[in-house]
Amino acid sequence: MSEALYTRDVIKSWSELHRDCRLLAQKLLIQGSWKGIIAVTRGGMIPAAIIARELDIRLIDTFCIASYDKQQQGELIVLKDPVVTSEGDGYLIIDDLVDTGNTLAVVRKALPKAHVGTLYVKPAGQPLVDTFVQAFSQETWIRFPWDLALGYAVPLVEEVKDIEC
């Protein structure tokens, strides 16, 4: 997807992310017990750690897939498969976001019986997700706290002056 397709920005703070991870864990808790978690890297690693704590799951693996360069999704490259002997039955796949669904389609093909839980989902990827916390429009770019740095915020009055000049 090109940058021009994203017309809306949503910034998630650490506290919002933690709250949403706990909400996802609550939804997953009532669905049964789980053998383990497979985090989709890199975005799924922090949510997977929080959910593993909340659900008292000790077995955590990763499915390492590279696809994004900034806001541009390119070719999917599987860097590491998880070590799962089944088709994923009884396992949770955790990711931060399902956008186009391209990455998750690769994961689903490899582990068709796993349960997919994500914090956030967009319409193109939603059919591939079993449990999620919040839906966003396709043109929304979600900025996660691990991608942000604190900095000076220009007062609105100064922004207006810059536009008028």
Protein backbone atom coordinates (compact mmCIF):
# COMPACT_ATOMS: atom_id res chain seq x y z
CA MET A 1 0.00 0.00 0.00
CA SER A 2 1.30 3.45 -0.78
CA GLU A 3 1.46 6.31 1.68
CA ALA A 4 -1.19 8.24 -0.25
CA LEU A 5 -3.83 5.65 0.70
CA TYR A 6 -3.51 6.49 4.40
CA THR A 7 -5.57 9.60 5.10
CA ARG A 8 -6.11 9.09 8.83
CA ASP A 9 -3.59 8.71 11.65
CA VAL A 10 -4.29 7.02 14.98
CA ILE A 11 -1.66 7.15 17.70
CA LYS A 12 -1.73 4.40 20.34
CA SER A 13 -0.07 5.08 23.70
CA TRP A 14 1.55 2.41 25.84
CA SER A 15 -1.37 2.54 28.28
CA GLU A 16 -3.93 2.13 25.47
CA LEU A 17 -1.95 -0.75 24.02
CA HIS A 18 -1.74 -2.47 27.40
CA ARG A 19 -5.46 -1.97 28.00
CA ASP A 20 -6.28 -3.40 24.57
CA CYS A 21 -4.01 -6.41 25.18
CA ARG A 22 -5.87 -7.13 28.40
CA LEU A 23 -9.21 -6.81 26.58
CA LEU A 24 -8.03 -9.30 23.96
CA ALA A 25 -6.82 -11.62 26.74
CA GLN A 26 -10.26 -11.44 28.41
CA LYS A 27 -11.94 -12.44 25.15
CA LEU A 28 -9.49 -15.31 24.65
CA LEU A 29 -9.75 -16.52 28.25
CA ILE A 30 -13.44 -17.36 27.95
CA GLN A 31 -12.82 -19.32 24.74
CA GLY A 32 -10.86 -22.09 26.45
CA SER A 33 -7.35 -23.10 27.31
CA TRP A 34 -4.45 -22.74 24.91
CA LYS A 35 -1.32 -24.84 24.32
CA GLY A 36 0.81 -21.84 23.43
CA ILE A 37 1.17 -18.56 21.61
CA ILE A 38 2.77 -17.83 18.27
CA ALA A 39 3.65 -14.16 17.88
CA VAL A 40 3.80 -12.71 14.38
CA THR A 41 6.96 -10.63 14.37
CA ARG A 42 7.62 -7.96 15.01
CA GLY A 43 4.33 -6.27 15.79
CA GLY A 44 2.84 -9.24 17.63
CA MET A 45 5.72 -9.68 20.10
CA ILE A 46 4.69 -7.13 22.72
CA PRO A 47 0.98 -8.03 22.63
CA ALA A 48 1.94 -11.74 22.81
CA ALA A 49 4.05 -11.14 25.93
CA ILE A 50 1.23 -9.29 27.69
CA ILE A 51 -1.37 -11.86 26.68
CA ALA A 52 0.92 -14.73 27.73
CA ARG A 53 1.16 -13.18 31.18
CA GLU A 54 -2.58 -12.60 31.46
CA LEU A 55 -3.43 -16.15 30.35
CA ASP A 56 -0.48 -17.79 32.17
CA ILE A 57 0.90 -19.27 28.96
CA ARG A 58 4.59 -20.20 29.05
CA LEU A 59 5.04 -21.68 25.58
CA ILE A 60 5.70 -18.84 23.13
CA ASP A 61 7.10 -19.11 19.62
CA THR A 62 7.42 -16.72 16.69
CA PHE A 63 6.41 -16.67 13.07
CA CYS A 64 8.90 -14.24 11.55
CA ILE A 65 7.66 -12.52 8.40
CA ALA A 66 9.01 -9.35 6.82
CA SER A 67 6.72 -7.31 4.58
CA TYR A 68 6.75 -3.60 5.41
CA ASP A 69 9.27 -0.88 4.65
CA LYS A 70 7.84 2.09 6.55
CA GLN A 71 4.24 2.41 5.22
CA GLN A 72 4.93 0.46 2.03
CA GLN A 73 4.05 -3.24 2.01
CA GLY A 74 6.27 -5.24 -0.29
CA GLU A 75 7.08 -8.87 -0.92
CA LEU A 76 6.42 -11.22 1.99
CA ILE A 77 9.49 -13.06 3.19
CA VAL A 78 9.20 -15.85 5.78
CA LEU A 79 12.33 -15.59 7.90
CA LYS A 80 11.38 -18.27 10.47
CA ASP A 81 8.52 -20.72 10.85
CA PRO A 82 7.26 -21.63 14.32
CA VAL A 83 8.06 -25.06 15.72
CA VAL A 84 4.57 -26.54 15.86
CA THR A 85 3.98 -30.19 15.04
CA SER A 86 0.26 -29.82 14.39
CA GLU A 87 -1.66 -27.50 12.09
CA GLY A 88 -1.89 -25.05 14.97
CA ASP A 89 -4.80 -26.69 16.81
CA GLY A 90 -4.95 -25.24 20.34
CA TYR A 91 -2.50 -22.42 19.59
CA LEU A 92 -3.07 -18.68 19.55
CA ILE A 93 -1.58 -16.57 16.80
CA ILE A 94 -1.13 -13.04 18.11
CA ASP A 95 -0.46 -9.91 16.07
CA ASP A 96 -0.87 -6.20 16.67
CA LEU A 97 -2.79 -5.45 13.49
CA VAL A 98 -4.20 -7.14 10.42
CA ASP A 99 -4.21 -4.60 7.59
CA THR A 100 -4.47 -6.10 4.09
CA GLY A 101 -4.44 -9.68 5.37
CA ASN A 102 -1.48 -10.62 3.15
CA THR A 103 0.79 -11.58 6.05
CA LEU A 104 -1.95 -13.38 7.92
CA ALA A 105 -2.88 -15.37 4.79
CA VAL A 106 0.62 -16.89 4.86
CA VAL A 107 0.25 -17.68 8.58
CA ARG A 108 -3.24 -19.17 8.10
CA LYS A 109 -1.99 -21.40 5.29
CA ALA A 110 0.76 -22.79 7.52
CA LEU A 111 -1.40 -23.11 10.66
CA PRO A 112 -5.04 -23.43 9.51
CA LYS A 113 -6.37 -24.71 12.86
CA ALA A 114 -4.81 -21.98 15.03
CA HIS A 115 -6.94 -19.23 16.56
CA VAL A 116 -5.96 -15.74 15.39
CA GLY A 117 -6.22 -12.86 17.85
CA THR A 118 -5.25 -9.30 16.98
CA LEU A 119 -5.60 -6.00 18.73
CA TYR A 120 -6.72 -4.12 15.65
CA VAL A 121 -8.19 -5.09 12.31
CA LYS A 122 -9.07 -3.41 9.03
CA PRO A 123 -11.79 -4.53 6.60
CA ALA A 124 -9.46 -6.24 4.08
CA GLY A 125 -7.98 -8.50 6.76
CA GLN A 126 -10.97 -9.00 9.06
CA PRO A 127 -12.21 -12.28 7.48
CA LEU A 128 -8.92 -13.94 8.51
CA VAL A 129 -9.20 -12.94 12.19
CA ASP A 130 -11.06 -14.91 14.86
CA THR A 131 -10.90 -12.43 17.76
CA PHE A 132 -9.99 -8.73 17.84
CA VAL A 133 -10.43 -5.65 20.00
CA GLN A 134 -11.04 -2.73 17.64
CA ALA A 135 -11.73 -2.21 13.94
CA PHE A 136 -10.38 0.69 11.89
CA SER A 137 -11.02 1.92 8.35
CA GLN A 138 -8.66 0.70 5.65
CA GLU A 139 -7.18 4.19 5.15
CA THR A 140 -6.12 4.51 8.80
CA TRP A 141 -2.43 4.25 9.67
CA ILE A 142 -1.95 3.10 13.26
CA ARG A 143 1.16 4.41 15.00
CA PHE A 144 2.33 2.08 17.75
CA PRO A 145 4.22 3.33 20.80
CA TRP A 146 7.39 1.41 19.89
CA ASP A 147 7.58 3.43 16.65
CA LEU A 148 7.27 6.83 18.35
CA ALA A 149 9.51 9.21 20.26
CA LEU A 150 8.50 12.03 22.56
CA GLY A 151 9.12 15.46 21.13
CA TYR A 152 8.07 19.07 21.16
CA ALA A 153 4.48 19.73 20.08
CA VAL A 154 4.05 22.97 18.18
CA PRO A 155 1.15 25.04 19.64
CA LEU A 156 -1.79 25.37 17.25
CA VAL A 157 -1.46 29.15 17.14
CA GLU A 158 2.08 28.78 15.76
CA GLU A 159 0.95 26.25 13.16
CA VAL A 160 -1.73 28.70 11.95
CA LYS A 161 0.86 31.51 11.69
CA ASP A 162 3.10 29.27 9.56
CA ILE A 163 0.22 28.53 7.19
CA GLU A 164 -0.73 32.22 6.84
CA CYS A 165 2.82 33.27 5.88
